[in-house]
Amino acid sequence: MKKFFARAAVMLYVISTVFFYNNMYVQKAAVPTNAEVGEENQTEEGRKVSATDLGVMCISTVYPSMGIELADSRDNEAMQSPEEQTSDEKAESNDGEQGGEPVVTGDEPLVLILHTHATESYLPASGSNFHSKEEANTVRDVGNTLAATLEKQGIPVVHDTTLHDYPSYNSSYSRSYETARQLLQKYPTVKCVIDLHRDAISSDSPAATVSINGKTCAKYSYVIGTAASTYQSNLAFVKDLNAVASANYSGFTGKVLERGYKYNQDLSSKYLLLEIGYNQNQIEDCRNTAEVFGNILAETLKKG
């Protein structure tokens, strides 16, 4: 019986691959963890899968008990620590482009802002499947607003704009891990790390906004890695942030998404994977959210 199923699976693989390979596209899904796979190979219409991936997908659909599935390279990598990587992955971790020296405000910064996927962009920068090396209209742009807001509140900041996802998207988390580790060593006064991302939705889905203090703001969320050793402290910190947001900003709280990965969050007891807005949000709406969130974060940190 086992031989029969094995042979059937192989035949299904060959037939489905030959028949569908040149015509099949997998539409890019909007998932809470912003888990786009291999974005540098995607187009606006979707990601064309390889023959291998397509065959595996067809087999998984027809015969799911085999336990075969298309892996999310971002989450799989985020679950690893640098010690668990192969030599090839470690070599690749040096591929990121520097965006210049980090901007540091104050002698003893309390917050580190960086971007694992620094090229993620918002409207009007929709080119290259919402990715841009230029800083304007990207998550780095939003990070600038967040840093400026914290500085106004008396919270000194380190803002790093390294392109960890360019020229290679693979192992972006490994590169941002090394950046964060080095900056935490250089600035031991840092108490909070923010890996600032945006989420993604399809082009025909409207990006929701809310009005806060008369300004249109994009929604935001927190992704908490349950595999991180600091899971409990990170979750407690997010709850503190949401308590302040609920009390002072008309309930403008961040949605909490728990995932069974690390996302580099072992590095700090206050490590946030913060997603502000979607690719379909206007950049100004996301800047407005960064300003509101900066005030929420500042007040929470001041409370200890």
C-alpha atoms as a PDB file:
ATOM      1  CA  MET A   1       0.000   0.000   0.000  1.00  0.00           C
ATOM      2  CA  LYS A   2       2.812   2.405   0.858  1.00  0.00           C
ATOM      3  CA  LYS A   3       4.484   1.649  -2.488  1.00  0.00           C
ATOM      4  CA  PHE A   4       1.227   2.350  -4.269  1.00  0.00           C
ATOM      5  CA  PHE A   5       0.852   5.772  -2.643  1.00  0.00           C
ATOM      6  CA  ALA A   6       4.493   6.619  -3.314  1.00  0.00           C
ATOM      7  CA  ARG A   7       4.174   5.753  -7.001  1.00  0.00           C
ATOM      8  CA  ALA A   8       0.901   7.676  -7.258  1.00  0.00           C
ATOM      9  CA  ALA A   9       2.531  10.729  -5.701  1.00  0.00           C
ATOM     10  CA  VAL A  10       5.439  10.631  -8.149  1.00  0.00           C
ATOM     11  CA  MET A  11       3.118  10.301 -11.123  1.00  0.00           C
ATOM     12  CA  LEU A  12       0.979  13.170  -9.872  1.00  0.00           C
ATOM     13  CA  TYR A  13       4.091  15.314  -9.439  1.00  0.00           C
ATOM     14  CA  VAL A  14       5.284  14.717 -12.998  1.00  0.00           C
ATOM     15  CA  ILE A  15       1.881  15.227 -14.631  1.00  0.00           C
ATOM     16  CA  SER A  16       0.996  18.368 -12.661  1.00  0.00           C
ATOM     17  CA  THR A  17       4.399  19.933 -13.210  1.00  0.00           C
ATOM     18  CA  VAL A  18       4.413  19.427 -16.975  1.00  0.00           C
ATOM     19  CA  PHE A  19       0.807  20.518 -17.409  1.00  0.00           C
ATOM     20  CA  PHE A  20       0.699  23.565 -15.186  1.00  0.00           C
ATOM     21  CA  TYR A  21       4.236  24.934 -14.949  1.00  0.00           C
ATOM     22  CA  ASN A  22       4.068  27.506 -17.730  1.00  0.00           C
ATOM     23  CA  ASN A  23       0.602  28.748 -16.832  1.00  0.00           C
ATOM     24  CA  MET A  24       0.307  28.624 -13.065  1.00  0.00           C
ATOM     25  CA  TYR A  25       0.781  31.633 -10.800  1.00  0.00           C
ATOM     26  CA  VAL A  26       0.411  31.735  -7.071  1.00  0.00           C
ATOM     27  CA  GLN A  27      -1.220  34.950  -6.011  1.00  0.00           C
ATOM     28  CA  LYS A  28       0.559  36.745  -3.256  1.00  0.00           C
ATOM     29  CA  ALA A  29      -1.509  36.385  -0.085  1.00  0.00           C
ATOM     30  CA  ALA A  30      -1.939  39.012   2.595  1.00  0.00           C
ATOM     31  CA  VAL A  31      -0.825  37.310   5.801  1.00  0.00           C
ATOM     32  CA  PRO A  32      -0.572  38.831   9.272  1.00  0.00           C
ATOM     33  CA  THR A  33       3.148  38.216   9.639  1.00  0.00           C
ATOM     34  CA  ASN A  34       4.015  40.071   6.448  1.00  0.00           C
ATOM     35  CA  ALA A  35       5.463  36.766   5.264  1.00  0.00           C
ATOM     36  CA  GLU A  36       6.046  37.391   1.567  1.00  0.00           C
ATOM     37  CA  VAL A  37       8.277  34.706   0.061  1.00  0.00           C
ATOM     38  CA  GLY A  38      11.194  35.734  -2.143  1.00  0.00           C
ATOM     39  CA  GLU A  39       9.814  39.186  -2.945  1.00  0.00           C
ATOM     40  CA  GLU A  40      12.674  40.075  -5.231  1.00  0.00           C
ATOM     41  CA  ASN A  41      11.280  37.439  -7.634  1.00  0.00           C
ATOM     42  CA  GLN A  42       7.654  38.593  -7.460  1.00  0.00           C
ATOM     43  CA  THR A  43       5.605  40.771  -9.786  1.00  0.00           C
ATOM     44  CA  GLU A  44       2.465  42.802  -9.149  1.00  0.00           C
ATOM     45  CA  GLU A  45       0.355  39.902 -10.461  1.00  0.00           C
ATOM     46  CA  GLY A  46       1.915  37.235  -8.283  1.00  0.00           C
ATOM     47  CA  ARG A  47       4.833  34.905  -7.808  1.00  0.00           C
ATOM     48  CA  LYS A  48       5.512  32.351 -10.515  1.00  0.00           C
ATOM     49  CA  VAL A  49       6.482  29.175  -8.734  1.00  0.00           C
ATOM     50  CA  SER A  50       9.225  26.816  -9.791  1.00  0.00           C
ATOM     51  CA  ALA A  51       8.488  23.423 -11.236  1.00  0.00           C
ATOM     52  CA  THR A  52       9.535  21.806  -7.979  1.00  0.00           C
ATOM     53  CA  ASP A  53       7.346  24.024  -5.813  1.00  0.00           C
ATOM     54  CA  LEU A  54       4.371  23.545  -8.105  1.00  0.00           C
ATOM     55  CA  GLY A  55       4.655  19.794  -8.032  1.00  0.00           C
ATOM     56  CA  VAL A  56       4.969  19.787  -4.258  1.00  0.00           C
ATOM     57  CA  MET A  57       1.957  22.092  -3.967  1.00  0.00           C
ATOM     58  CA  CYS A  58      -0.202  19.823  -6.149  1.00  0.00           C
ATOM     59  CA  ILE A  59       0.798  16.730  -4.197  1.00  0.00           C
ATOM     60  CA  SER A  60       0.096  18.493  -0.900  1.00  0.00           C
ATOM     61  CA  THR A  61      -3.359  19.509  -2.072  1.00  0.00           C
ATOM     62  CA  VAL A  62      -4.385  16.043  -3.252  1.00  0.00           C
ATOM     63  CA  TYR A  63      -2.596  14.030  -0.608  1.00  0.00           C
ATOM     64  CA  PRO A  64      -2.128  16.305   2.444  1.00  0.00           C
ATOM     65  CA  SER A  65      -1.371  13.431   4.802  1.00  0.00           C
ATOM     66  CA  MET A  66       2.082  13.262   3.239  1.00  0.00           C
ATOM     67  CA  GLY A  67       2.893  16.401   5.241  1.00  0.00           C
ATOM     68  CA  ILE A  68       4.486  18.253   2.332  1.00  0.00           C
ATOM     69  CA  GLU A  69       3.990  21.998   2.137  1.00  0.00           C
ATOM     70  CA  LEU A  70       5.526  25.059   0.563  1.00  0.00           C
ATOM     71  CA  ALA A  71       7.809  26.586   3.161  1.00  0.00           C
ATOM     72  CA  ASP A  72       7.770  30.246   4.097  1.00  0.00           C
ATOM     73  CA  SER A  73      11.449  31.100   3.859  1.00  0.00           C
ATOM     74  CA  ARG A  74      11.050  34.254   5.921  1.00  0.00           C
ATOM     75  CA  ASP A  75       9.500  32.541   8.919  1.00  0.00           C
ATOM     76  CA  ASN A  76      11.760  29.497   8.710  1.00  0.00           C
ATOM     77  CA  GLU A  77      14.781  31.744   8.749  1.00  0.00           C
ATOM     78  CA  ALA A  78      13.327  33.916  11.498  1.00  0.00           C
ATOM     79  CA  MET A  79      13.004  30.805  13.652  1.00  0.00           C
ATOM     80  CA  GLN A  80      16.746  30.130  13.443  1.00  0.00           C
ATOM     81  CA  SER A  81      19.541  31.684  15.438  1.00  0.00           C
ATOM     82  CA  PRO A  82      22.838  32.565  13.722  1.00  0.00           C
ATOM     83  CA  GLU A  83      24.431  29.541  15.363  1.00  0.00           C
ATOM     84  CA  GLU A  84      21.960  27.272  13.546  1.00  0.00           C
ATOM     85  CA  GLN A  85      22.713  28.592  10.075  1.00  0.00           C
ATOM     86  CA  THR A  86      24.761  26.799   7.455  1.00  0.00           C
ATOM     87  CA  SER A  87      28.085  28.202   6.275  1.00  0.00           C
ATOM     88  CA  ASP A  88      26.444  29.384   3.039  1.00  0.00           C
ATOM     89  CA  GLU A  89      23.742  31.242   4.965  1.00  0.00           C
ATOM     90  CA  LYS A  90      26.358  32.901   7.169  1.00  0.00           C
ATOM     91  CA  ALA A  91      28.311  34.020   4.123  1.00  0.00           C
ATOM     92  CA  GLU A  92      25.142  35.429   2.590  1.00  0.00           C
ATOM     93  CA  SER A  93      24.392  37.410   5.750  1.00  0.00           C
ATOM     94  CA  ASN A  94      26.921  40.045   4.692  1.00  0.00           C
ATOM     95  CA  ASP A  95      25.008  40.963   1.512  1.00  0.00           C
ATOM     96  CA  GLY A  96      22.996  43.878   2.943  1.00  0.00           C
ATOM     97  CA  GLU A  97      23.715  47.429   1.793  1.00  0.00           C
ATOM     98  CA  GLN A  98      24.499  50.073   4.357  1.00  0.00           C
ATOM     99  CA  GLY A  99      22.315  53.166   4.404  1.00  0.00           C
ATOM    100  CA  GLY A 100      25.051  55.193   6.057  1.00  0.00           C
ATOM    101  CA  GLU A 101      25.904  55.436   9.734  1.00  0.00           C
ATOM    102  CA  PRO A 102      22.957  55.105  12.122  1.00  0.00           C
ATOM    103  CA  VAL A 103      21.407  58.379  13.237  1.00  0.00           C
ATOM    104  CA  VAL A 104      21.907  58.739  16.989  1.00  0.00           C
ATOM    105  CA  THR A 105      20.136  61.323  19.125  1.00  0.00           C
ATOM    106  CA  GLY A 106      21.592  61.814  22.593  1.00  0.00           C
ATOM    107  CA  ASP A 107      24.525  60.244  24.389  1.00  0.00           C
ATOM    108  CA  GLU A 108      22.571  57.409  25.982  1.00  0.00           C
ATOM    109  CA  PRO A 109      19.916  56.209  23.519  1.00  0.00           C
ATOM    110  CA  LEU A 110      17.028  54.194  24.934  1.00  0.00           C
ATOM    111  CA  VAL A 111      15.449  52.934  21.672  1.00  0.00           C
ATOM    112  CA  LEU A 112      16.951  51.199  18.657  1.00  0.00           C
ATOM    113  CA  ILE A 113      14.960  51.325  15.401  1.00  0.00           C
ATOM    114  CA  LEU A 114      15.978  49.129  12.467  1.00  0.00           C
ATOM    115  CA  HIS A 115      14.369  47.403   9.504  1.00  0.00           C
ATOM    116  CA  THR A 116      14.810  43.754   8.536  1.00  0.00           C
ATOM    117  CA  HIS A 117      12.971  44.509   5.269  1.00  0.00           C
ATOM    118  CA  ALA A 118      14.087  48.075   4.770  1.00  0.00           C
ATOM    119  CA  THR A 119      12.978  48.393   1.137  1.00  0.00           C
ATOM    120  CA  GLU A 120       9.282  47.852   1.933  1.00  0.00           C
ATOM    121  CA  SER A 121       7.358  50.838   0.558  1.00  0.00           C
ATOM    122  CA  TYR A 122       3.941  52.486   0.629  1.00  0.00           C
ATOM    123  CA  LEU A 123       1.904  54.475  -1.847  1.00  0.00           C
ATOM    124  CA  PRO A 124       2.782  56.389  -3.915  1.00  0.00           C
ATOM    125  CA  ALA A 125       5.953  54.253  -4.249  1.00  0.00           C
ATOM    126  CA  SER A 126       4.318  51.166  -5.747  1.00  0.00           C
ATOM    127  CA  GLY A 127       7.120  50.159  -8.116  1.00  0.00           C
ATOM    128  CA  SER A 128       9.080  46.893  -7.832  1.00  0.00           C
ATOM    129  CA  ASN A 129       6.154  45.265  -6.033  1.00  0.00           C
ATOM    130  CA  PHE A 130       6.179  47.952  -3.332  1.00  0.00           C
ATOM    131  CA  HIS A 131       9.907  47.904  -2.647  1.00  0.00           C
ATOM    132  CA  SER A 132      12.351  50.753  -3.060  1.00  0.00           C
ATOM    133  CA  LYS A 133      16.025  51.370  -2.362  1.00  0.00           C
ATOM    134  CA  GLU A 134      15.234  55.051  -1.984  1.00  0.00           C
ATOM    135  CA  GLU A 135      14.342  56.076   1.557  1.00  0.00           C
ATOM    136  CA  ALA A 136      11.300  58.211   0.720  1.00  0.00           C
ATOM    137  CA  ASN A 137       7.938  56.438   1.103  1.00  0.00           C
ATOM    138  CA  THR A 138       9.436  53.330   2.756  1.00  0.00           C
ATOM    139  CA  VAL A 139       9.479  51.910   6.269  1.00  0.00           C
ATOM    140  CA  ARG A 140      12.729  53.853   6.798  1.00  0.00           C
ATOM    141  CA  ASP A 141      10.801  57.038   6.074  1.00  0.00           C
ATOM    142  CA  VAL A 142       8.239  56.042   8.716  1.00  0.00           C
ATOM    143  CA  GLY A 143      11.115  55.188  11.049  1.00  0.00           C
ATOM    144  CA  ASN A 144      12.391  58.754  10.687  1.00  0.00           C
ATOM    145  CA  THR A 145       9.045  60.080  11.908  1.00  0.00           C
ATOM    146  CA  LEU A 146       9.058  57.657  14.821  1.00  0.00           C
ATOM    147  CA  ALA A 147      12.599  58.660  15.778  1.00  0.00           C
ATOM    148  CA  ALA A 148      11.768  62.378  15.589  1.00  0.00           C
ATOM    149  CA  THR A 149       8.663  61.909  17.739  1.00  0.00           C
ATOM    150  CA  LEU A 150      10.601  60.037  20.408  1.00  0.00           C
ATOM    151  CA  GLU A 151      13.295  62.722  20.406  1.00  0.00           C
ATOM    152  CA  LYS A 152      10.642  65.409  20.995  1.00  0.00           C
ATOM    153  CA  GLN A 153       9.465  63.369  23.975  1.00  0.00           C
ATOM    154  CA  GLY A 154      12.988  63.285  25.406  1.00  0.00           C
ATOM    155  CA  ILE A 155      13.693  59.668  24.379  1.00  0.00           C
ATOM    156  CA  PRO A 156      17.086  59.388  22.621  1.00  0.00           C
ATOM    157  CA  VAL A 157      17.175  57.003  19.663  1.00  0.00           C
ATOM    158  CA  VAL A 158      19.448  55.035  17.334  1.00  0.00           C
ATOM    159  CA  HIS A 159      17.916  54.660  13.861  1.00  0.00           C
ATOM    160  CA  ASP A 160      19.674  52.233  11.521  1.00  0.00           C
ATOM    161  CA  THR A 161      18.639  52.218   7.831  1.00  0.00           C
ATOM    162  CA  THR A 162      20.725  49.315   6.526  1.00  0.00           C
ATOM    163  CA  LEU A 163      19.075  47.525   3.579  1.00  0.00           C
ATOM    164  CA  HIS A 164      19.086  44.054   5.088  1.00  0.00           C
ATOM    165  CA  ASP A 165      16.852  42.776   2.289  1.00  0.00           C
ATOM    166  CA  TYR A 166      18.956  44.083  -0.616  1.00  0.00           C
ATOM    167  CA  PRO A 167      20.549  42.907  -2.855  1.00  0.00           C
ATOM    168  CA  SER A 168      19.559  39.510  -1.440  1.00  0.00           C
ATOM    169  CA  TYR A 169      16.200  38.995   0.265  1.00  0.00           C
ATOM    170  CA  ASN A 170      17.244  35.637   1.728  1.00  0.00           C
ATOM    171  CA  SER A 171      18.624  35.693   5.270  1.00  0.00           C
ATOM    172  CA  SER A 172      17.394  39.245   5.878  1.00  0.00           C
ATOM    173  CA  TYR A 173      16.736  38.347   9.509  1.00  0.00           C
ATOM    174  CA  SER A 174      20.269  37.044   9.909  1.00  0.00           C
ATOM    175  CA  ARG A 175      21.662  40.343   8.704  1.00  0.00           C
ATOM    176  CA  SER A 176      19.377  42.425  10.897  1.00  0.00           C
ATOM    177  CA  TYR A 177      20.238  40.175  13.846  1.00  0.00           C
ATOM    178  CA  GLU A 178      23.910  40.996  13.422  1.00  0.00           C
ATOM    179  CA  THR A 179      23.183  44.706  13.047  1.00  0.00           C
ATOM    180  CA  ALA A 180      21.046  44.750  16.190  1.00  0.00           C
ATOM    181  CA  ARG A 181      23.589  42.723  18.153  1.00  0.00           C
ATOM    182  CA  GLN A 182      26.432  45.072  17.271  1.00  0.00           C
ATOM    183  CA  LEU A 183      24.429  48.215  18.006  1.00  0.00           C
ATOM    184  CA  LEU A 184      23.243  46.849  21.342  1.00  0.00           C
ATOM    185  CA  GLN A 185      26.863  46.230  22.265  1.00  0.00           C
ATOM    186  CA  LYS A 186      27.832  49.740  21.165  1.00  0.00           C
ATOM    187  CA  TYR A 187      24.888  51.370  22.927  1.00  0.00           C
ATOM    188  CA  PRO A 188      24.232  49.344  26.116  1.00  0.00           C
ATOM    189  CA  THR A 189      21.724  51.944  27.352  1.00  0.00           C
ATOM    190  CA  VAL A 190      19.160  50.796  24.758  1.00  0.00           C
ATOM    191  CA  LYS A 191      16.133  49.287  26.478  1.00  0.00           C
ATOM    192  CA  CYS A 192      13.798  48.765  23.523  1.00  0.00           C
ATOM    193  CA  VAL A 193      14.381  47.469  19.977  1.00  0.00           C
ATOM    194  CA  ILE A 194      11.871  48.109  17.182  1.00  0.00           C
ATOM    195  CA  ASP A 195      12.074  46.172  13.926  1.00  0.00           C
ATOM    196  CA  LEU A 196       9.748  48.321  11.823  1.00  0.00           C
ATOM    197  CA  HIS A 197       7.909  46.690   8.896  1.00  0.00           C
ATOM    198  CA  ARG A 198       4.715  47.130   6.928  1.00  0.00           C
ATOM    199  CA  ASP A 199       2.173  44.446   6.060  1.00  0.00           C
ATOM    200  CA  ALA A 200       0.845  43.638   2.577  1.00  0.00           C
ATOM    201  CA  ILE A 201      -2.558  43.184   0.958  1.00  0.00           C
ATOM    202  CA  SER A 202      -3.688  42.640  -2.610  1.00  0.00           C
ATOM    203  CA  SER A 203      -4.145  45.599  -4.932  1.00  0.00           C
ATOM    204  CA  ASP A 204      -7.948  45.315  -4.892  1.00  0.00           C
ATOM    205  CA  SER A 205      -8.168  45.411  -1.084  1.00  0.00           C
ATOM    206  CA  PRO A 206      -8.525  48.820   0.582  1.00  0.00           C
ATOM    207  CA  ALA A 207      -6.098  49.584   3.393  1.00  0.00           C
ATOM    208  CA  ALA A 208      -8.103  50.487   6.489  1.00  0.00           C
ATOM    209  CA  THR A 209      -7.424  53.742   8.308  1.00  0.00           C
ATOM    210  CA  VAL A 210      -8.721  55.435  11.456  1.00  0.00           C
ATOM    211  CA  SER A 211      -8.945  59.057  12.531  1.00  0.00           C
ATOM    212  CA  ILE A 212      -6.867  59.966  15.582  1.00  0.00           C
ATOM    213  CA  ASN A 213      -6.801  63.566  16.808  1.00  0.00           C
ATOM    214  CA  GLY A 214      -8.057  64.733  13.432  1.00  0.00           C
ATOM    215  CA  LYS A 215      -5.391  62.880  11.431  1.00  0.00           C
ATOM    216  CA  THR A 216      -5.854  59.848   9.188  1.00  0.00           C
ATOM    217  CA  CYS A 217      -3.745  56.979  10.511  1.00  0.00           C
ATOM    218  CA  ALA A 218      -2.875  53.548   9.177  1.00  0.00           C
ATOM    219  CA  LYS A 219      -3.510  50.615  11.476  1.00  0.00           C
ATOM    220  CA  TYR A 220      -0.618  48.838  13.163  1.00  0.00           C
ATOM    221  CA  SER A 221       0.134  45.472  14.727  1.00  0.00           C
ATOM    222  CA  TYR A 222       2.714  43.598  16.798  1.00  0.00           C
ATOM    223  CA  VAL A 223       4.149  40.225  15.828  1.00  0.00           C
ATOM    224  CA  ILE A 224       5.341  38.299  18.878  1.00  0.00           C
ATOM    225  CA  GLY A 225       7.703  35.356  18.421  1.00  0.00           C
ATOM    226  CA  THR A 226       6.642  32.614  20.832  1.00  0.00           C
ATOM    227  CA  ALA A 227       9.876  30.693  20.146  1.00  0.00           C
ATOM    228  CA  ALA A 228      12.000  33.537  21.529  1.00  0.00           C
ATOM    229  CA  SER A 229      13.351  33.130  25.055  1.00  0.00           C
ATOM    230  CA  THR A 230      12.050  36.647  25.787  1.00  0.00           C
ATOM    231  CA  TYR A 231       8.509  35.851  24.646  1.00  0.00           C
ATOM    232  CA  GLN A 232       6.848  36.557  27.988  1.00  0.00           C
ATOM    233  CA  SER A 233       8.607  39.880  28.599  1.00  0.00           C
ATOM    234  CA  ASN A 234       7.987  41.037  25.027  1.00  0.00           C
ATOM    235  CA  LEU A 235       4.307  40.155  25.329  1.00  0.00           C
ATOM    236  CA  ALA A 236       4.059  41.983  28.663  1.00  0.00           C
ATOM    237  CA  PHE A 237       5.629  45.069  27.087  1.00  0.00           C
ATOM    238  CA  VAL A 238       3.116  45.018  24.229  1.00  0.00           C
ATOM    239  CA  LYS A 239       0.279  44.786  26.738  1.00  0.00           C
ATOM    240  CA  ASP A 240       1.674  47.856  28.522  1.00  0.00           C
ATOM    241  CA  LEU A 241       1.800  49.724  25.210  1.00  0.00           C
ATOM    242  CA  ASN A 242      -1.777  48.808  24.387  1.00  0.00           C
ATOM    243  CA  ALA A 243      -2.920  49.875  27.843  1.00  0.00           C
ATOM    244  CA  VAL A 244      -1.493  53.360  27.256  1.00  0.00           C
ATOM    245  CA  ALA A 245      -2.949  53.472  23.733  1.00  0.00           C
ATOM    246  CA  SER A 246      -6.366  52.417  24.973  1.00  0.00           C
ATOM    247  CA  ALA A 247      -6.412  55.034  27.704  1.00  0.00           C
ATOM    248  CA  ASN A 248      -5.028  58.008  25.770  1.00  0.00           C
ATOM    249  CA  TYR A 249      -5.682  57.433  22.058  1.00  0.00           C
ATOM    250  CA  SER A 250      -9.313  56.405  21.715  1.00  0.00           C
ATOM    251  CA  GLY A 251      -8.478  52.719  21.856  1.00  0.00           C
ATOM    252  CA  PHE A 252      -5.993  52.960  18.965  1.00  0.00           C
ATOM    253  CA  THR A 253      -4.224  49.761  19.995  1.00  0.00           C
ATOM    254  CA  GLY A 254      -2.040  47.437  17.966  1.00  0.00           C
ATOM    255  CA  LYS A 255      -3.317  43.998  17.054  1.00  0.00           C
ATOM    256  CA  VAL A 256      -1.221  41.276  18.712  1.00  0.00           C
ATOM    257  CA  LEU A 257      -0.187  38.381  16.450  1.00  0.00           C
ATOM    258  CA  GLU A 258       1.645  35.466  18.049  1.00  0.00           C
ATOM    259  CA  ARG A 259       3.755  33.223  15.811  1.00  0.00           C
ATOM    260  CA  GLY A 260       5.968  30.252  16.616  1.00  0.00           C
ATOM    261  CA  TYR A 261       9.209  31.851  15.505  1.00  0.00           C
ATOM    262  CA  LYS A 262      11.983  33.997  16.969  1.00  0.00           C
ATOM    263  CA  TYR A 263      12.178  37.103  14.762  1.00  0.00           C
ATOM    264  CA  ASN A 264      15.450  38.012  16.527  1.00  0.00           C
ATOM    265  CA  GLN A 265      13.463  38.860  19.649  1.00  0.00           C
ATOM    266  CA  ASP A 266      15.852  36.962  21.903  1.00  0.00           C
ATOM    267  CA  LEU A 267      18.093  40.026  21.743  1.00  0.00           C
ATOM    268  CA  SER A 268      16.007  42.137  24.114  1.00  0.00           C
ATOM    269  CA  SER A 269      13.277  41.825  26.710  1.00  0.00           C
ATOM    270  CA  LYS A 270      11.520  44.689  24.895  1.00  0.00           C
ATOM    271  CA  TYR A 271      11.894  43.679  21.249  1.00  0.00           C
ATOM    272  CA  LEU A 272       9.014  44.708  18.986  1.00  0.00           C
ATOM    273  CA  LEU A 273       8.306  43.522  15.468  1.00  0.00           C
ATOM    274  CA  LEU A 274       6.069  46.452  14.630  1.00  0.00           C
ATOM    275  CA  GLU A 275       4.066  46.533  11.412  1.00  0.00           C
ATOM    276  CA  ILE A 276       2.727  49.975  10.527  1.00  0.00           C
ATOM    277  CA  GLY A 277       0.183  49.983   7.730  1.00  0.00           C
ATOM    278  CA  TYR A 278       0.051  48.105   4.450  1.00  0.00           C
ATOM    279  CA  ASN A 279       1.580  48.514   1.034  1.00  0.00           C
ATOM    280  CA  GLN A 280      -1.740  50.060  -0.065  1.00  0.00           C
ATOM    281  CA  ASN A 281      -1.607  52.782   2.608  1.00  0.00           C
ATOM    282  CA  GLN A 282      -0.515  56.300   1.738  1.00  0.00           C
ATOM    283  CA  ILE A 283       2.842  57.186   3.279  1.00  0.00           C
ATOM    284  CA  GLU A 284       1.365  60.174   5.114  1.00  0.00           C
ATOM    285  CA  ASP A 285      -1.114  57.927   6.939  1.00  0.00           C
ATOM    286  CA  CYS A 286       1.782  55.756   8.105  1.00  0.00           C
ATOM    287  CA  ARG A 287       3.811  58.752   9.227  1.00  0.00           C
ATOM    288  CA  ASN A 288       0.802  59.861  11.272  1.00  0.00           C
ATOM    289  CA  THR A 289       0.648  56.435  12.906  1.00  0.00           C
ATOM    290  CA  ALA A 290       4.375  56.574  13.668  1.00  0.00           C
ATOM    291  CA  GLU A 291       3.828  59.890  15.425  1.00  0.00           C
ATOM    292  CA  VAL A 292       0.993  58.520  17.541  1.00  0.00           C
ATOM    293  CA  PHE A 293       2.899  55.341  18.314  1.00  0.00           C
ATOM    294  CA  GLY A 294       5.982  57.358  19.239  1.00  0.00           C
ATOM    295  CA  ASN A 295       3.966  59.171  21.889  1.00  0.00           C
ATOM    296  CA  ILE A 296       2.542  55.857  23.151  1.00  0.00           C
ATOM    297  CA  LEU A 297       6.020  54.333  23.354  1.00  0.00           C
ATOM    298  CA  ALA A 298       7.531  57.374  25.049  1.00  0.00           C
ATOM    299  CA  GLU A 299       4.851  57.439  27.737  1.00  0.00           C
ATOM    300  CA  THR A 300       5.186  53.697  28.336  1.00  0.00           C
ATOM    301  CA  LEU A 301       8.963  53.897  28.698  1.00  0.00           C
ATOM    302  CA  LYS A 302       8.716  56.857  31.046  1.00  0.00           C
ATOM    303  CA  LYS A 303       6.408  54.813  33.254  1.00  0.00           C
ATOM    304  CA  GLY A 304       9.156  52.211  33.522  1.00  0.00           C
END
